[in-house]
Amino acid sequence: MADRGLRKTMTGVVVSNKMDKTIVVAVVDSVKHPLLKKIMKRTYKLKAHDENNECNIGDRVEVMETRPLSKEKRWRLVRIVEKAK
């Protein structure tokens, strides 16, 4: 990975796998509200490339930033951290 430069990696939960070779990953991020000074959870969804269709809903996965693969896909599956029960 050193020859590819610095790429972002994120960990999230698969919420959809209905598309071919594509998964939707929900990532939870904590942000501090600028006015209220309260820490809030923000959830956003990423579309990621799953070459072998190996992920199921509920799996915890790690995704890595990559070149644009389609209109909305800019992430690629690195590994499955934990399988769903």
N, C-alpha and C. Protein backbone atom coordinates (compact mmCIF):
# COMPACT_ATOMS: atom_id res chain seq x y z
N MET A 1 0.82 -1.19 0.00
CA MET A 1 0.00 0.00 0.00
C MET A 1 0.86 1.25 0.00
N ALA A 2 2.13 1.15 0.28
CA ALA A 2 3.00 2.32 0.31
C ALA A 2 3.20 2.91 -1.08
N ASP A 3 3.21 2.05 -2.11
CA ASP A 3 3.41 2.56 -3.46
C ASP A 3 2.17 3.25 -4.01
N ARG A 4 1.01 3.06 -3.39
CA ARG A 4 -0.22 3.69 -3.85
C ARG A 4 -0.44 5.07 -3.24
N GLY A 5 0.40 5.47 -2.32
CA GLY A 5 0.20 6.75 -1.67
C GLY A 5 -0.72 6.59 -0.47
N LEU A 6 -1.07 7.70 0.13
CA LEU A 6 -1.90 7.69 1.32
C LEU A 6 -3.37 7.66 0.91
N ARG A 7 -4.05 6.59 1.27
CA ARG A 7 -5.47 6.46 0.95
C ARG A 7 -6.26 6.30 2.23
N LYS A 8 -7.46 6.87 2.26
CA LYS A 8 -8.31 6.78 3.43
C LYS A 8 -8.88 5.37 3.56
N THR A 9 -8.99 4.90 4.78
CA THR A 9 -9.68 3.65 5.07
C THR A 9 -10.73 3.93 6.14
N MET A 10 -11.88 3.27 6.01
CA MET A 10 -12.96 3.43 6.97
C MET A 10 -13.54 2.07 7.30
N THR A 11 -14.14 1.99 8.47
CA THR A 11 -14.80 0.77 8.91
C THR A 11 -16.27 1.06 9.11
N GLY A 12 -17.12 0.17 8.61
CA GLY A 12 -18.55 0.36 8.74
C GLY A 12 -19.30 -0.96 8.65
N VAL A 13 -20.63 -0.87 8.61
CA VAL A 13 -21.50 -2.04 8.58
C VAL A 13 -22.23 -2.06 7.24
N VAL A 14 -22.30 -3.25 6.63
CA VAL A 14 -22.99 -3.40 5.35
C VAL A 14 -24.50 -3.32 5.60
N VAL A 15 -25.17 -2.41 4.89
CA VAL A 15 -26.62 -2.26 5.04
C VAL A 15 -27.37 -2.74 3.80
N SER A 16 -26.67 -2.93 2.68
CA SER A 16 -27.31 -3.44 1.47
C SER A 16 -26.28 -4.15 0.60
N ASN A 17 -26.70 -5.28 0.02
CA ASN A 17 -25.85 -5.99 -0.93
C ASN A 17 -26.66 -6.46 -2.14
N LYS A 18 -27.72 -5.75 -2.47
CA LYS A 18 -28.62 -6.17 -3.53
C LYS A 18 -28.08 -5.90 -4.93
N MET A 19 -27.08 -5.03 -5.05
CA MET A 19 -26.51 -4.73 -6.36
C MET A 19 -25.39 -5.71 -6.67
N ASP A 20 -25.13 -5.94 -7.95
CA ASP A 20 -24.08 -6.86 -8.34
C ASP A 20 -22.72 -6.21 -8.14
N LYS A 21 -21.85 -6.86 -7.36
CA LYS A 21 -20.49 -6.41 -7.07
C LYS A 21 -20.43 -5.06 -6.36
N THR A 22 -21.52 -4.68 -5.69
CA THR A 22 -21.56 -3.40 -4.97
C THR A 22 -22.23 -3.61 -3.62
N ILE A 23 -21.67 -2.99 -2.59
CA ILE A 23 -22.27 -3.00 -1.26
C ILE A 23 -22.44 -1.56 -0.80
N VAL A 24 -23.40 -1.35 0.09
CA VAL A 24 -23.59 -0.04 0.72
C VAL A 24 -23.15 -0.18 2.17
N VAL A 25 -22.20 0.67 2.57
CA VAL A 25 -21.62 0.60 3.91
C VAL A 25 -22.02 1.84 4.69
N ALA A 26 -22.58 1.65 5.88
CA ALA A 26 -22.94 2.77 6.76
C ALA A 26 -21.78 3.01 7.72
N VAL A 27 -21.27 4.24 7.72
CA VAL A 27 -20.15 4.62 8.57
C VAL A 27 -20.66 5.62 9.61
N VAL A 28 -20.33 5.39 10.88
CA VAL A 28 -20.75 6.28 11.96
C VAL A 28 -19.56 7.16 12.34
N ASP A 29 -19.80 8.48 12.40
CA ASP A 29 -18.75 9.44 12.71
C ASP A 29 -19.24 10.34 13.83
N SER A 30 -18.38 10.69 14.76
CA SER A 30 -18.73 11.61 15.84
C SER A 30 -18.23 13.01 15.50
N VAL A 31 -19.13 13.98 15.50
CA VAL A 31 -18.77 15.36 15.21
C VAL A 31 -19.28 16.25 16.34
N LYS A 32 -18.56 17.32 16.59
CA LYS A 32 -18.97 18.27 17.62
C LYS A 32 -19.76 19.40 16.97
N HIS A 33 -20.95 19.66 17.50
CA HIS A 33 -21.80 20.72 16.96
C HIS A 33 -21.14 22.07 17.26
N PRO A 34 -21.01 22.95 16.25
CA PRO A 34 -20.28 24.20 16.47
C PRO A 34 -20.94 25.15 17.47
N LEU A 35 -22.26 25.17 17.53
CA LEU A 35 -22.95 26.09 18.42
C LEU A 35 -23.26 25.45 19.78
N LEU A 36 -23.77 24.23 19.76
CA LEU A 36 -24.20 23.58 20.99
C LEU A 36 -23.07 22.89 21.75
N LYS A 37 -21.92 22.70 21.09
CA LYS A 37 -20.76 22.04 21.68
C LYS A 37 -21.07 20.61 22.14
N LYS A 38 -22.05 19.99 21.51
CA LYS A 38 -22.45 18.64 21.86
C LYS A 38 -21.89 17.67 20.83
N ILE A 39 -21.42 16.53 21.27
CA ILE A 39 -20.91 15.52 20.34
C ILE A 39 -22.09 14.70 19.83
N MET A 40 -22.22 14.68 18.51
CA MET A 40 -23.35 14.01 17.88
C MET A 40 -22.83 12.92 16.95
N LYS A 41 -23.62 11.86 16.78
CA LYS A 41 -23.27 10.80 15.84
C LYS A 41 -23.85 11.14 14.48
N ARG A 42 -23.02 11.04 13.46
CA ARG A 42 -23.46 11.29 12.10
C ARG A 42 -23.21 10.00 11.31
N THR A 43 -24.24 9.50 10.64
CA THR A 43 -24.12 8.30 9.83
C THR A 43 -24.21 8.68 8.37
N TYR A 44 -23.29 8.18 7.58
CA TYR A 44 -23.36 8.39 6.14
C TYR A 44 -23.06 7.09 5.43
N LYS A 45 -23.53 6.98 4.19
CA LYS A 45 -23.44 5.74 3.44
C LYS A 45 -22.46 5.88 2.29
N LEU A 46 -21.68 4.83 2.08
CA LEU A 46 -20.72 4.77 0.98
C LEU A 46 -21.06 3.57 0.11
N LYS A 47 -20.92 3.71 -1.19
CA LYS A 47 -21.02 2.57 -2.09
C LYS A 47 -19.62 2.06 -2.33
N ALA A 48 -19.42 0.76 -2.13
CA ALA A 48 -18.09 0.16 -2.26
C ALA A 48 -18.13 -1.03 -3.21
N HIS A 49 -16.99 -1.29 -3.84
CA HIS A 49 -16.86 -2.38 -4.81
C HIS A 49 -16.54 -3.68 -4.08
N ASP A 50 -17.36 -4.70 -4.32
CA ASP A 50 -17.17 -6.04 -3.73
C ASP A 50 -17.04 -7.01 -4.90
N GLU A 51 -15.82 -7.28 -5.30
CA GLU A 51 -15.55 -8.04 -6.54
C GLU A 51 -16.17 -9.43 -6.53
N ASN A 52 -16.12 -10.13 -5.40
CA ASN A 52 -16.57 -11.52 -5.36
C ASN A 52 -17.95 -11.71 -4.73
N ASN A 53 -18.67 -10.64 -4.48
CA ASN A 53 -19.99 -10.69 -3.84
C ASN A 53 -19.96 -11.54 -2.56
N GLU A 54 -18.98 -11.27 -1.68
CA GLU A 54 -18.79 -12.09 -0.49
C GLU A 54 -19.39 -11.49 0.77
N CYS A 55 -19.87 -10.25 0.73
CA CYS A 55 -20.41 -9.60 1.92
C CYS A 55 -21.90 -9.84 2.06
N ASN A 56 -22.35 -9.92 3.30
CA ASN A 56 -23.77 -10.01 3.61
C ASN A 56 -24.17 -8.84 4.49
N ILE A 57 -25.47 -8.63 4.62
CA ILE A 57 -25.98 -7.53 5.44
C ILE A 57 -25.60 -7.79 6.90
N GLY A 58 -25.07 -6.78 7.56
CA GLY A 58 -24.67 -6.88 8.96
C GLY A 58 -23.19 -7.12 9.16
N ASP A 59 -22.46 -7.44 8.10
CA ASP A 59 -21.01 -7.65 8.23
C ASP A 59 -20.31 -6.33 8.53
N ARG A 60 -19.29 -6.39 9.39
CA ARG A 60 -18.44 -5.22 9.63
C ARG A 60 -17.27 -5.33 8.67
N VAL A 61 -17.07 -4.29 7.84
CA VAL A 61 -16.06 -4.34 6.79
C VAL A 61 -15.15 -3.13 6.85
N GLU A 62 -13.99 -3.27 6.21
CA GLU A 62 -13.06 -2.16 6.04
C GLU A 62 -12.99 -1.83 4.56
N VAL A 63 -13.17 -0.55 4.22
CA VAL A 63 -13.13 -0.11 2.83
C VAL A 63 -12.01 0.91 2.66
N MET A 64 -11.49 0.98 1.42
CA MET A 64 -10.38 1.88 1.11
C MET A 64 -10.76 2.76 -0.07
N GLU A 65 -10.32 3.99 -0.02
CA GLU A 65 -10.56 4.93 -1.10
C GLU A 65 -9.84 4.48 -2.37
N THR A 66 -10.48 4.68 -3.53
CA THR A 66 -9.89 4.27 -4.80
C THR A 66 -10.34 5.21 -5.90
N ARG A 67 -9.91 4.94 -7.10
CA ARG A 67 -10.33 5.77 -8.24
C ARG A 67 -11.82 5.59 -8.47
N PRO A 68 -12.49 6.51 -9.15
CA PRO A 68 -13.91 6.35 -9.43
C PRO A 68 -14.17 5.10 -10.28
N LEU A 69 -15.01 4.22 -9.77
CA LEU A 69 -15.36 2.99 -10.49
C LEU A 69 -16.69 3.12 -11.21
N SER A 70 -17.53 4.05 -10.79
CA SER A 70 -18.80 4.34 -11.45
C SER A 70 -19.24 5.73 -11.00
N LYS A 71 -20.48 6.07 -11.25
CA LYS A 71 -20.96 7.41 -10.90
C LYS A 71 -20.86 7.69 -9.40
N GLU A 72 -21.13 6.69 -8.56
CA GLU A 72 -21.13 6.90 -7.11
C GLU A 72 -20.12 6.06 -6.35
N LYS A 73 -19.47 5.10 -6.99
CA LYS A 73 -18.53 4.21 -6.29
C LYS A 73 -17.12 4.78 -6.32
N ARG A 74 -16.59 5.08 -5.12
CA ARG A 74 -15.21 5.55 -4.98
C ARG A 74 -14.48 4.79 -3.87
N TRP A 75 -15.03 3.68 -3.43
CA TRP A 75 -14.45 2.89 -2.35
C TRP A 75 -14.38 1.43 -2.77
N ARG A 76 -13.44 0.71 -2.19
CA ARG A 76 -13.21 -0.70 -2.51
C ARG A 76 -13.10 -1.49 -1.21
N LEU A 77 -13.68 -2.69 -1.21
CA LEU A 77 -13.62 -3.56 -0.04
C LEU A 77 -12.20 -4.05 0.17
N VAL A 78 -11.68 -3.87 1.40
CA VAL A 78 -10.35 -4.36 1.74
C VAL A 78 -10.45 -5.73 2.40
N ARG A 79 -11.29 -5.81 3.45
CA ARG A 79 -11.45 -7.08 4.16
C ARG A 79 -12.73 -7.05 4.97
N ILE A 80 -13.19 -8.24 5.32
CA ILE A 80 -14.34 -8.38 6.21
C ILE A 80 -13.78 -8.54 7.61
N VAL A 81 -14.07 -7.57 8.47
CA VAL A 81 -13.55 -7.57 9.83
C VAL A 81 -14.29 -8.60 10.68
N GLU A 82 -15.63 -8.62 10.55
CA GLU A 82 -16.45 -9.52 11.36
C GLU A 82 -17.69 -9.90 10.57
N LYS A 83 -17.99 -11.20 10.51
CA LYS A 83 -19.18 -11.67 9.81
C LYS A 83 -20.40 -11.46 10.69
N ALA A 84 -21.56 -11.27 10.05
CA ALA A 84 -22.81 -11.09 10.78
C ALA A 84 -23.22 -12.42 11.43
N LYS A 85 -23.90 -12.33 12.55
CA LYS A 85 -24.32 -13.54 13.25
C LYS A 85 -25.71 -13.95 12.84
